[in-house]
Amino acid sequence: MLIKQSFFSRSAIEVAPELIGCTLKRVLPSGEILSGTIVETEAYLQNDPACHAYRGITKRNAVMFGPAGFSYVYFIYGVHFCFNVVTGDEGVGEAVLIRALDVGEDGGEREGESGNGDFRIAAGPGKLCKFMRIDKSLNGVSLFANSECELTITKCLSKREIKKIPLTQCRRIGIREGKEFLWRWYWTGNRAVSVRNKS
């Protein structure tokens, strides 16, 4: 079931935990399909010093200030890409970073990657983008338009099933400022979570 744009048109703090259990699907130009279950997210708000939108709109972060439900992809440390979902009201820069996917046995059709037991192949923002082949060409694409889009987020679990997912809420990682906010959520006990909360 495709998620409507209204789902994303809320605060990143509301959207982030509710994305866990949803499915991220990537359709390659060849027709090959890759997918995984979202198991870890982080919220970033405009008044948050760790957020790219904190100092206002720029050419790099302009997508964050656009309508909700679109992708925000950026390159970090000159090494890897990170994939985010724009949330909130248009004109306010905020987004949810998708930190990890559980690809399980249904994570893709590439032999040797999805079915070999390497369930941590998308455990982390960079690894996720590498596995899903997400790069800057997917910056600003709709995640909710239709099932034929290059990149979509769908709900494969019922509301009841999603509510039963055990969540851990803790501090975000890999940032220098805003460490005090408990704006990271992950599926407690899931094998694909990037880093578990030590406490």
N, C-alpha and C. Protein backbone atom coordinates (compact mmCIF):
# COMPACT_ATOMS: atom_id res chain seq x y z
N MET A 1 0.84 -1.19 0.00
CA MET A 1 0.00 0.00 0.00
C MET A 1 0.88 1.24 0.00
N LEU A 2 0.72 2.08 -1.01
CA LEU A 2 1.49 3.31 -1.10
C LEU A 2 1.08 4.28 0.01
N ILE A 3 2.04 5.02 0.50
CA ILE A 3 1.79 6.00 1.55
C ILE A 3 1.40 7.33 0.90
N LYS A 4 0.37 7.97 1.40
CA LYS A 4 -0.07 9.25 0.86
C LYS A 4 0.85 10.37 1.33
N GLN A 5 0.88 11.46 0.57
CA GLN A 5 1.74 12.58 0.90
C GLN A 5 1.43 13.15 2.28
N SER A 6 0.16 13.08 2.69
CA SER A 6 -0.23 13.62 3.99
C SER A 6 0.50 12.95 5.14
N PHE A 7 0.90 11.69 4.94
CA PHE A 7 1.65 10.97 5.98
C PHE A 7 2.96 11.69 6.28
N PHE A 8 3.61 12.20 5.24
CA PHE A 8 4.91 12.87 5.40
C PHE A 8 4.77 14.32 5.83
N SER A 9 3.57 14.90 5.66
CA SER A 9 3.36 16.32 5.95
C SER A 9 3.15 16.58 7.43
N ARG A 10 3.98 15.98 8.24
CA ARG A 10 3.96 16.17 9.69
C ARG A 10 5.40 16.36 10.17
N SER A 11 5.57 16.63 11.43
CA SER A 11 6.90 16.82 11.98
C SER A 11 7.75 15.56 11.79
N ALA A 12 9.03 15.76 11.53
CA ALA A 12 9.96 14.64 11.36
C ALA A 12 9.96 13.75 12.60
N ILE A 13 9.70 14.34 13.75
CA ILE A 13 9.69 13.57 15.00
C ILE A 13 8.51 12.60 15.02
N GLU A 14 7.42 12.95 14.37
CA GLU A 14 6.27 12.06 14.28
C GLU A 14 6.47 11.01 13.20
N VAL A 15 7.00 11.43 12.08
CA VAL A 15 7.14 10.54 10.92
C VAL A 15 8.22 9.49 11.13
N ALA A 16 9.36 9.87 11.73
CA ALA A 16 10.51 8.97 11.85
C ALA A 16 10.18 7.61 12.47
N PRO A 17 9.55 7.55 13.65
CA PRO A 17 9.26 6.23 14.22
C PRO A 17 8.22 5.45 13.44
N GLU A 18 7.32 6.17 12.74
CA GLU A 18 6.26 5.49 12.00
C GLU A 18 6.74 4.93 10.65
N LEU A 19 7.93 5.34 10.23
CA LEU A 19 8.50 4.79 9.00
C LEU A 19 9.09 3.40 9.23
N ILE A 20 9.39 3.09 10.48
CA ILE A 20 9.95 1.77 10.79
C ILE A 20 8.89 0.70 10.55
N GLY A 21 9.28 -0.29 9.77
CA GLY A 21 8.34 -1.34 9.38
C GLY A 21 7.81 -1.13 7.97
N CYS A 22 8.02 0.07 7.42
CA CYS A 22 7.62 0.34 6.04
C CYS A 22 8.69 -0.22 5.09
N THR A 23 8.35 -0.31 3.82
CA THR A 23 9.26 -0.87 2.82
C THR A 23 9.75 0.20 1.87
N LEU A 24 11.06 0.25 1.66
CA LEU A 24 11.67 1.13 0.67
C LEU A 24 11.94 0.29 -0.57
N LYS A 25 11.41 0.75 -1.70
CA LYS A 25 11.51 -0.02 -2.95
C LYS A 25 12.21 0.81 -4.02
N ARG A 26 13.15 0.18 -4.72
CA ARG A 26 13.92 0.84 -5.78
C ARG A 26 13.76 0.04 -7.07
N VAL A 27 13.28 0.73 -8.12
CA VAL A 27 13.15 0.10 -9.43
C VAL A 27 14.27 0.64 -10.31
N LEU A 28 15.18 -0.23 -10.73
CA LEU A 28 16.31 0.18 -11.57
C LEU A 28 15.87 0.32 -13.02
N PRO A 29 16.61 1.09 -13.83
CA PRO A 29 16.27 1.25 -15.24
C PRO A 29 16.14 -0.08 -15.98
N SER A 30 16.86 -1.10 -15.52
CA SER A 30 16.80 -2.42 -16.15
C SER A 30 15.52 -3.17 -15.81
N GLY A 31 14.76 -2.64 -14.84
CA GLY A 31 13.55 -3.32 -14.38
C GLY A 31 13.79 -4.13 -13.12
N GLU A 32 15.05 -4.27 -12.73
CA GLU A 32 15.39 -4.98 -11.50
C GLU A 32 14.84 -4.23 -10.29
N ILE A 33 14.33 -4.98 -9.31
CA ILE A 33 13.73 -4.38 -8.13
C ILE A 33 14.54 -4.73 -6.89
N LEU A 34 14.84 -3.71 -6.10
CA LEU A 34 15.51 -3.89 -4.81
C LEU A 34 14.58 -3.34 -3.74
N SER A 35 14.56 -3.99 -2.57
CA SER A 35 13.69 -3.48 -1.51
C SER A 35 14.20 -3.94 -0.15
N GLY A 36 13.72 -3.27 0.88
CA GLY A 36 14.08 -3.64 2.23
C GLY A 36 13.14 -2.98 3.22
N THR A 37 13.09 -3.52 4.42
CA THR A 37 12.25 -2.97 5.48
C THR A 37 13.03 -1.94 6.27
N ILE A 38 12.46 -0.77 6.44
CA ILE A 38 13.12 0.29 7.21
C ILE A 38 13.15 -0.10 8.68
N VAL A 39 14.34 -0.12 9.27
CA VAL A 39 14.47 -0.54 10.67
C VAL A 39 15.15 0.50 11.55
N GLU A 40 15.59 1.61 10.95
CA GLU A 40 16.28 2.63 11.76
C GLU A 40 16.15 3.99 11.09
N THR A 41 15.76 5.00 11.88
CA THR A 41 15.58 6.36 11.35
C THR A 41 16.09 7.40 12.34
N GLU A 42 16.32 8.60 11.83
CA GLU A 42 16.68 9.75 12.66
C GLU A 42 15.93 10.97 12.16
N ALA A 43 15.45 11.80 13.08
CA ALA A 43 14.73 13.02 12.72
C ALA A 43 15.64 14.23 12.80
N TYR A 44 15.45 15.16 11.85
CA TYR A 44 16.22 16.41 11.82
C TYR A 44 15.27 17.57 11.56
N LEU A 45 15.21 18.53 12.50
CA LEU A 45 14.33 19.69 12.39
C LEU A 45 15.14 20.94 12.11
N GLN A 46 14.50 21.96 11.55
CA GLN A 46 15.22 23.15 11.12
C GLN A 46 15.91 23.88 12.26
N ASN A 47 15.33 23.87 13.46
CA ASN A 47 15.95 24.56 14.60
C ASN A 47 16.97 23.69 15.32
N ASP A 48 17.35 22.60 14.68
CA ASP A 48 18.30 21.63 15.23
C ASP A 48 19.68 21.90 14.62
N PRO A 49 20.70 22.19 15.42
CA PRO A 49 22.02 22.53 14.88
C PRO A 49 22.67 21.41 14.05
N ALA A 50 22.17 20.19 14.16
CA ALA A 50 22.71 19.08 13.37
C ALA A 50 22.03 18.96 12.01
N CYS A 51 20.99 19.76 11.80
CA CYS A 51 20.20 19.68 10.56
C CYS A 51 20.84 20.53 9.46
N HIS A 52 20.83 20.05 8.25
CA HIS A 52 21.39 20.79 7.11
C HIS A 52 20.65 22.09 6.86
N ALA A 53 19.40 22.19 7.32
CA ALA A 53 18.59 23.39 7.09
C ALA A 53 18.75 24.44 8.18
N TYR A 54 19.58 24.17 9.15
CA TYR A 54 19.70 25.02 10.34
C TYR A 54 20.07 26.47 10.00
N ARG A 55 20.94 26.65 9.01
CA ARG A 55 21.40 28.00 8.65
C ARG A 55 20.67 28.58 7.45
N GLY A 56 19.56 27.95 7.08
CA GLY A 56 18.76 28.48 5.99
C GLY A 56 18.91 27.70 4.70
N ILE A 57 18.21 28.14 3.70
CA ILE A 57 18.16 27.44 2.43
C ILE A 57 19.41 27.68 1.58
N THR A 58 19.91 26.64 0.97
CA THR A 58 21.07 26.70 0.07
C THR A 58 20.75 25.85 -1.16
N LYS A 59 21.64 25.88 -2.13
CA LYS A 59 21.45 25.06 -3.32
C LYS A 59 21.45 23.58 -2.94
N ARG A 60 22.29 23.21 -1.96
CA ARG A 60 22.40 21.81 -1.55
C ARG A 60 21.15 21.30 -0.86
N ASN A 61 20.59 22.11 0.06
CA ASN A 61 19.48 21.62 0.89
C ASN A 61 18.10 22.09 0.45
N ALA A 62 18.00 22.71 -0.72
CA ALA A 62 16.74 23.31 -1.18
C ALA A 62 15.56 22.34 -1.15
N VAL A 63 15.82 21.06 -1.44
CA VAL A 63 14.75 20.06 -1.45
C VAL A 63 14.08 19.95 -0.09
N MET A 64 14.85 20.17 0.98
CA MET A 64 14.30 20.06 2.34
C MET A 64 13.21 21.10 2.60
N PHE A 65 13.26 22.21 1.86
CA PHE A 65 12.28 23.29 2.06
C PHE A 65 11.08 23.15 1.12
N GLY A 66 11.09 22.10 0.31
CA GLY A 66 9.99 21.87 -0.62
C GLY A 66 8.89 21.05 0.01
N PRO A 67 7.99 20.51 -0.80
CA PRO A 67 6.88 19.72 -0.27
C PRO A 67 7.34 18.41 0.37
N ALA A 68 6.55 17.91 1.28
CA ALA A 68 6.88 16.67 1.99
C ALA A 68 6.72 15.47 1.07
N GLY A 69 7.44 14.39 1.42
CA GLY A 69 7.31 13.15 0.68
C GLY A 69 8.27 13.02 -0.49
N PHE A 70 9.27 13.89 -0.54
CA PHE A 70 10.27 13.82 -1.59
C PHE A 70 11.62 13.41 -0.99
N SER A 71 12.49 12.90 -1.83
CA SER A 71 13.79 12.43 -1.34
C SER A 71 14.80 13.57 -1.25
N TYR A 72 15.63 13.50 -0.24
CA TYR A 72 16.76 14.42 -0.09
C TYR A 72 18.00 13.55 0.01
N VAL A 73 18.84 13.59 -1.02
CA VAL A 73 20.04 12.77 -1.08
C VAL A 73 21.27 13.67 -1.11
N TYR A 74 22.22 13.40 -0.25
CA TYR A 74 23.45 14.19 -0.25
C TYR A 74 24.68 13.28 -0.12
N PHE A 75 25.81 13.83 -0.50
CA PHE A 75 27.09 13.12 -0.46
C PHE A 75 27.84 13.59 0.78
N ILE A 76 28.38 12.67 1.56
CA ILE A 76 29.01 13.02 2.82
C ILE A 76 30.42 12.45 2.94
N TYR A 77 31.30 13.24 3.52
CA TYR A 77 32.69 12.84 3.76
C TYR A 77 33.42 12.45 2.48
N GLY A 78 32.86 12.80 1.32
CA GLY A 78 33.49 12.42 0.07
C GLY A 78 33.54 10.92 -0.13
N VAL A 79 32.66 10.20 0.58
CA VAL A 79 32.71 8.74 0.57
C VAL A 79 31.39 8.11 0.13
N HIS A 80 30.26 8.52 0.76
CA HIS A 80 29.00 7.85 0.46
C HIS A 80 27.80 8.80 0.46
N PHE A 81 26.70 8.29 -0.04
CA PHE A 81 25.46 9.05 -0.10
C PHE A 81 24.58 8.71 1.11
N CYS A 82 23.71 9.65 1.46
CA CYS A 82 22.72 9.42 2.51
C CYS A 82 21.34 9.76 1.96
N PHE A 83 20.36 8.95 2.32
CA PHE A 83 19.00 9.11 1.81
C PHE A 83 18.07 9.58 2.92
N ASN A 84 17.33 10.65 2.65
CA ASN A 84 16.39 11.23 3.61
C ASN A 84 15.02 11.42 2.98
N VAL A 85 14.01 11.49 3.83
CA VAL A 85 12.64 11.76 3.40
C VAL A 85 12.26 13.13 3.93
N VAL A 86 11.86 14.04 3.05
CA VAL A 86 11.45 15.38 3.45
C VAL A 86 10.10 15.30 4.15
N THR A 87 9.98 16.01 5.27
CA THR A 87 8.75 15.99 6.06
C THR A 87 8.31 17.42 6.38
N GLY A 88 7.17 17.53 7.05
CA GLY A 88 6.70 18.83 7.53
C GLY A 88 6.08 19.71 6.47
N ASP A 89 5.91 20.99 6.83
CA ASP A 89 5.29 21.97 5.95
C ASP A 89 6.28 22.51 4.93
N GLU A 90 5.78 22.81 3.75
CA GLU A 90 6.62 23.41 2.73
C GLU A 90 7.14 24.75 3.22
N GLY A 91 8.43 25.00 2.99
CA GLY A 91 9.06 26.23 3.46
C GLY A 91 9.81 26.05 4.76
N VAL A 92 9.60 24.90 5.41
CA VAL A 92 10.31 24.57 6.66
C VAL A 92 11.23 23.39 6.37
N GLY A 93 12.52 23.58 6.61
CA GLY A 93 13.49 22.55 6.26
C GLY A 93 13.63 21.46 7.32
N GLU A 94 13.11 20.29 7.03
CA GLU A 94 13.30 19.16 7.94
C GLU A 94 13.18 17.86 7.16
N ALA A 95 13.73 16.79 7.74
CA ALA A 95 13.72 15.51 7.04
C ALA A 95 14.00 14.37 8.01
N VAL A 96 13.77 13.16 7.53
CA VAL A 96 14.08 11.95 8.29
C VAL A 96 15.18 11.19 7.54
N LEU A 97 16.27 10.93 8.21
CA LEU A 97 17.35 10.13 7.64
C LEU A 97 16.99 8.66 7.79
N ILE A 98 17.02 7.91 6.69
CA ILE A 98 16.79 6.47 6.76
C ILE A 98 18.16 5.82 6.95
N ARG A 99 18.37 5.27 8.13
CA ARG A 99 19.70 4.79 8.50
C ARG A 99 19.96 3.32 8.16
N ALA A 100 18.92 2.50 8.13
CA ALA A 100 19.17 1.07 7.89
C ALA A 100 17.94 0.37 7.35
N LEU A 101 18.21 -0.65 6.52
CA LEU A 101 17.17 -1.53 5.98
C LEU A 101 17.50 -2.97 6.33
N ASP A 102 16.47 -3.75 6.58
CA ASP A 102 16.62 -5.20 6.69
C ASP A 102 16.17 -5.77 5.35
N VAL A 103 17.13 -6.26 4.56
CA VAL A 103 16.78 -6.76 3.24
C VAL A 103 16.30 -8.21 3.29
N GLY A 104 16.62 -8.92 4.38
CA GLY A 104 16.14 -10.28 4.57
C GLY A 104 16.33 -11.14 3.34
N GLU A 105 15.38 -12.02 3.07
CA GLU A 105 15.43 -12.89 1.90
C GLU A 105 14.78 -12.23 0.70
N ASP A 106 14.12 -11.09 0.92
CA ASP A 106 13.39 -10.45 -0.17
C ASP A 106 13.98 -9.10 -0.54
N GLY A 107 15.23 -8.89 -0.16
CA GLY A 107 15.81 -7.57 -0.35
C GLY A 107 16.26 -7.24 -1.75
N GLY A 108 16.21 -8.16 -2.66
CA GLY A 108 16.63 -7.87 -4.02
C GLY A 108 16.77 -9.14 -4.82
N GLU A 109 17.10 -8.97 -6.05
CA GLU A 109 17.20 -10.11 -6.94
C GLU A 109 18.62 -10.36 -7.41
N ARG A 110 19.59 -9.62 -6.88
CA ARG A 110 20.96 -9.81 -7.31
C ARG A 110 21.56 -11.01 -6.60
N GLU A 111 21.98 -11.96 -7.33
CA GLU A 111 22.54 -13.18 -6.76
C GLU A 111 23.78 -12.85 -5.94
N GLY A 112 23.88 -13.49 -4.78
CA GLY A 112 25.06 -13.31 -3.95
C GLY A 112 24.96 -12.16 -2.97
N GLU A 113 23.88 -11.36 -3.05
CA GLU A 113 23.76 -10.24 -2.13
C GLU A 113 22.53 -10.33 -1.24
N SER A 114 21.41 -10.69 -1.80
CA SER A 114 20.18 -10.65 -1.01
C SER A 114 19.87 -11.96 -0.31
N GLY A 115 20.41 -13.06 -0.81
CA GLY A 115 20.00 -14.33 -0.24
C GLY A 115 21.12 -15.11 0.40
N ASN A 116 22.24 -14.45 0.69
CA ASN A 116 23.38 -15.18 1.21
C ASN A 116 23.55 -15.03 2.71
N GLY A 117 22.55 -14.46 3.38
CA GLY A 117 22.63 -14.30 4.83
C GLY A 117 23.33 -13.04 5.27
N ASP A 118 23.76 -12.19 4.33
CA ASP A 118 24.40 -10.93 4.70
C ASP A 118 23.32 -9.90 4.97
N PHE A 119 22.68 -10.02 6.13
CA PHE A 119 21.57 -9.14 6.45
C PHE A 119 22.00 -7.73 6.85
N ARG A 120 23.31 -7.51 6.98
CA ARG A 120 23.79 -6.18 7.34
C ARG A 120 24.31 -5.42 6.12
N ILE A 121 23.92 -5.86 4.95
CA ILE A 121 24.39 -5.22 3.73
C ILE A 121 23.84 -3.80 3.57
N ALA A 122 22.77 -3.48 4.29
CA ALA A 122 22.19 -2.14 4.25
C ALA A 122 22.08 -1.56 5.66
N ALA A 123 23.00 -1.98 6.54
CA ALA A 123 22.99 -1.54 7.94
C ALA A 123 23.85 -0.29 8.11
N GLY A 124 23.28 0.84 7.79
CA GLY A 124 23.97 2.12 7.86
C GLY A 124 23.62 2.95 6.64
N PRO A 125 23.62 4.28 6.76
CA PRO A 125 23.18 5.15 5.65
C PRO A 125 23.95 4.94 4.35
N GLY A 126 25.29 4.84 4.45
CA GLY A 126 26.10 4.64 3.26
C GLY A 126 25.90 3.28 2.63
N LYS A 127 25.84 2.26 3.46
CA LYS A 127 25.64 0.89 2.96
C LYS A 127 24.26 0.75 2.33
N LEU A 128 23.29 1.42 2.94
CA LEU A 128 21.92 1.41 2.41
C LEU A 128 21.90 1.97 0.99
N CYS A 129 22.52 3.14 0.80
CA CYS A 129 22.52 3.77 -0.52
C CYS A 129 23.31 2.95 -1.54
N LYS A 130 24.37 2.34 -1.09
CA LYS A 130 25.15 1.51 -2.00
C LYS A 130 24.33 0.31 -2.47
N PHE A 131 23.67 -0.35 -1.53
CA PHE A 131 22.85 -1.52 -1.88
C PHE A 131 21.68 -1.15 -2.78
N MET A 132 21.01 -0.05 -2.44
CA MET A 132 19.83 0.37 -3.20
C MET A 132 20.19 1.18 -4.45
N ARG A 133 21.47 1.46 -4.64
CA ARG A 133 21.96 2.25 -5.78
C ARG A 133 21.31 3.63 -5.82
N ILE A 134 21.33 4.27 -4.66
CA ILE A 134 20.79 5.62 -4.52
C ILE A 134 21.93 6.61 -4.60
N ASP A 135 21.81 7.60 -5.49
CA ASP A 135 22.81 8.65 -5.59
C ASP A 135 22.10 9.98 -5.84
N LYS A 136 22.86 11.04 -6.17
CA LYS A 136 22.27 12.37 -6.31
C LYS A 136 21.24 12.45 -7.44
N SER A 137 21.27 11.50 -8.37
CA SER A 137 20.28 11.52 -9.45
C SER A 137 18.87 11.30 -8.92
N LEU A 138 18.76 10.79 -7.69
CA LEU A 138 17.45 10.55 -7.06
C LEU A 138 17.09 11.63 -6.05
N ASN A 139 17.87 12.69 -6.01
CA ASN A 139 17.55 13.80 -5.12
C ASN A 139 16.32 14.53 -5.64
N GLY A 140 15.30 14.69 -4.81
CA GLY A 140 14.11 15.43 -5.18
C GLY A 140 13.04 14.64 -5.89
N VAL A 141 13.11 13.30 -5.85
CA VAL A 141 12.07 12.50 -6.50
C VAL A 141 10.94 12.21 -5.51
N SER A 142 9.73 12.05 -6.05
CA SER A 142 8.57 11.75 -5.22
C SER A 142 8.65 10.32 -4.71
N LEU A 143 8.30 10.12 -3.46
CA LEU A 143 8.33 8.79 -2.84
C LEU A 143 6.93 8.22 -2.70
N PHE A 144 5.93 8.93 -3.20
CA PHE A 144 4.55 8.51 -2.95
C PHE A 144 3.67 8.50 -4.20
N ALA A 145 4.19 8.89 -5.36
CA ALA A 145 3.34 9.10 -6.54
C ALA A 145 2.64 7.84 -7.02
N ASN A 146 3.40 6.81 -7.39
CA ASN A 146 2.78 5.57 -7.83
C ASN A 146 3.79 4.44 -7.76
N SER A 147 3.32 3.23 -7.92
CA SER A 147 4.15 2.05 -7.71
C SER A 147 5.22 1.87 -8.79
N GLU A 148 5.14 2.66 -9.88
CA GLU A 148 6.11 2.53 -10.95
C GLU A 148 7.27 3.51 -10.80
N CYS A 149 7.26 4.32 -9.77
CA CYS A 149 8.33 5.28 -9.54
C CYS A 149 9.65 4.57 -9.27
N GLU A 150 10.74 5.28 -9.51
CA GLU A 150 12.06 4.72 -9.26
C GLU A 150 12.26 4.37 -7.79
N LEU A 151 11.69 5.20 -6.91
CA LEU A 151 11.90 5.04 -5.47
C LEU A 151 10.59 5.32 -4.76
N THR A 152 10.11 4.36 -3.97
CA THR A 152 8.85 4.54 -3.26
C THR A 152 8.94 3.96 -1.85
N ILE A 153 8.07 4.47 -0.98
CA ILE A 153 7.93 3.90 0.36
C ILE A 153 6.51 3.38 0.49
N THR A 154 6.39 2.13 0.90
CA THR A 154 5.07 1.52 1.02
C THR A 154 4.91 0.89 2.40
N LYS A 155 3.65 0.65 2.75
CA LYS A 155 3.34 -0.06 3.99
C LYS A 155 2.95 -1.48 3.63
N CYS A 156 3.73 -2.42 4.10
CA CYS A 156 3.43 -3.83 3.84
C CYS A 156 2.85 -4.51 5.07
N LEU A 157 2.86 -3.81 6.19
CA LEU A 157 2.31 -4.34 7.43
C LEU A 157 1.03 -3.59 7.77
N SER A 158 0.15 -4.23 8.49
CA SER A 158 -1.07 -3.55 8.94
C SER A 158 -0.73 -2.58 10.06
N LYS A 159 -1.64 -1.67 10.36
CA LYS A 159 -1.43 -0.72 11.46
C LYS A 159 -1.20 -1.47 12.77
N ARG A 160 -1.93 -2.55 12.95
CA ARG A 160 -1.80 -3.34 14.18
C ARG A 160 -0.40 -3.96 14.27
N GLU A 161 0.10 -4.47 13.13
CA GLU A 161 1.42 -5.09 13.12
C GLU A 161 2.52 -4.05 13.37
N ILE A 162 2.36 -2.86 12.77
CA ILE A 162 3.35 -1.80 12.94
C ILE A 162 3.40 -1.34 14.39
N LYS A 163 2.23 -1.24 15.03
CA LYS A 163 2.19 -0.81 16.43
C LYS A 163 2.86 -1.80 17.36
N LYS A 164 2.94 -3.07 16.93
CA LYS A 164 3.56 -4.10 17.76
C LYS A 164 5.08 -4.16 17.62
N ILE A 165 5.64 -3.39 16.69
CA ILE A 165 7.09 -3.40 16.51
C ILE A 165 7.75 -2.78 17.73
N PRO A 166 8.67 -3.50 18.39
CA PRO A 166 9.36 -2.94 19.56
C PRO A 166 10.39 -1.90 19.11
N LEU A 167 10.27 -0.68 19.65
CA LEU A 167 11.16 0.40 19.24
C LEU A 167 12.07 0.84 20.37
N THR A 168 13.30 1.16 20.02
CA THR A 168 14.23 1.80 20.94
C THR A 168 14.39 3.24 20.49
N GLN A 169 14.23 4.18 21.43
CA GLN A 169 14.41 5.60 21.14
C GLN A 169 15.64 6.08 21.89
N CYS A 170 16.56 6.73 21.17
CA CYS A 170 17.82 7.12 21.80
C CYS A 170 18.44 8.31 21.06
N ARG A 171 19.65 8.66 21.44
CA ARG A 171 20.35 9.77 20.81
C ARG A 171 20.82 9.40 19.41
N ARG A 172 20.89 10.42 18.56
CA ARG A 172 21.40 10.21 17.21
C ARG A 172 22.92 10.02 17.26
N ILE A 173 23.46 9.46 16.19
CA ILE A 173 24.90 9.18 16.16
C ILE A 173 25.54 9.83 14.95
N GLY A 174 26.87 10.00 15.02
CA GLY A 174 27.62 10.57 13.91
C GLY A 174 27.45 12.06 13.75
N ILE A 175 27.04 12.77 14.81
CA ILE A 175 26.87 14.22 14.74
C ILE A 175 27.68 14.89 15.85
N ARG A 176 27.98 16.17 15.66
CA ARG A 176 28.76 16.93 16.65
C ARG A 176 27.87 17.79 17.54
N GLU A 177 26.76 18.27 16.99
CA GLU A 177 25.84 19.12 17.75
C GLU A 177 24.47 18.46 17.81
N GLY A 178 23.69 18.88 18.79
CA GLY A 178 22.35 18.33 18.92
C GLY A 178 22.33 16.89 19.43
N LYS A 179 23.39 16.50 20.11
CA LYS A 179 23.49 15.12 20.59
C LYS A 179 22.49 14.81 21.71
N GLU A 180 21.97 15.87 22.33
CA GLU A 180 21.09 15.66 23.48
C GLU A 180 19.68 15.19 23.09
N PHE A 181 19.31 15.37 21.83
CA PHE A 181 17.95 15.02 21.41
C PHE A 181 17.82 13.51 21.18
N LEU A 182 16.75 12.96 21.70
CA LEU A 182 16.48 11.52 21.52
C LEU A 182 15.66 11.31 20.26
N TRP A 183 16.29 11.56 19.12
CA TRP A 183 15.57 11.56 17.85
C TRP A 183 16.04 10.45 16.92
N ARG A 184 16.51 9.36 17.49
CA ARG A 184 16.81 8.17 16.68
C ARG A 184 15.92 7.04 17.17
N TRP A 185 15.35 6.31 16.23
CA TRP A 185 14.50 5.16 16.56
C TRP A 185 14.98 3.95 15.78
N TYR A 186 14.94 2.80 16.41
CA TYR A 186 15.23 1.59 15.65
C TYR A 186 14.43 0.41 16.19
N TRP A 187 14.31 -0.58 15.32
CA TRP A 187 13.57 -1.81 15.62
C TRP A 187 14.41 -2.62 16.59
N THR A 188 14.00 -2.64 17.84
CA THR A 188 14.76 -3.30 18.90
C THR A 188 15.04 -4.77 18.54
N GLY A 189 16.32 -5.14 18.58
CA GLY A 189 16.69 -6.52 18.33
C GLY A 189 16.86 -6.88 16.87
N ASN A 190 16.56 -5.95 15.97
CA ASN A 190 16.70 -6.28 14.54
C ASN A 190 18.16 -6.39 14.16
N ARG A 191 18.49 -7.38 13.36
CA ARG A 191 19.86 -7.69 12.97
C ARG A 191 20.50 -6.64 12.06
N ALA A 192 19.68 -5.81 11.42
CA ALA A 192 20.22 -4.85 10.45
C ALA A 192 20.42 -3.45 11.01
N VAL A 193 20.12 -3.22 12.29
CA VAL A 193 20.34 -1.89 12.89
C VAL A 193 21.82 -1.57 12.84
N SER A 194 22.16 -0.34 12.46
CA SER A 194 23.56 0.02 12.26
C SER A 194 24.37 -0.03 13.55
N VAL A 195 23.87 0.68 14.58
CA VAL A 195 24.56 0.72 15.89
C VAL A 195 23.51 0.63 16.99
N ARG A 196 23.70 -0.26 17.92
CA ARG A 196 22.75 -0.41 19.02
C ARG A 196 23.09 0.52 20.16
N ASN A 197 22.07 0.96 20.87
CA ASN A 197 22.27 1.85 22.01
C ASN A 197 22.93 1.05 23.15
N LYS A 198 24.08 1.48 23.58
CA LYS A 198 24.85 0.73 24.59
C LYS A 198 24.15 0.70 25.94
N SER A 199 23.36 1.73 26.23
CA SER A 199 22.69 1.78 27.54
C SER A 199 21.40 0.95 27.52
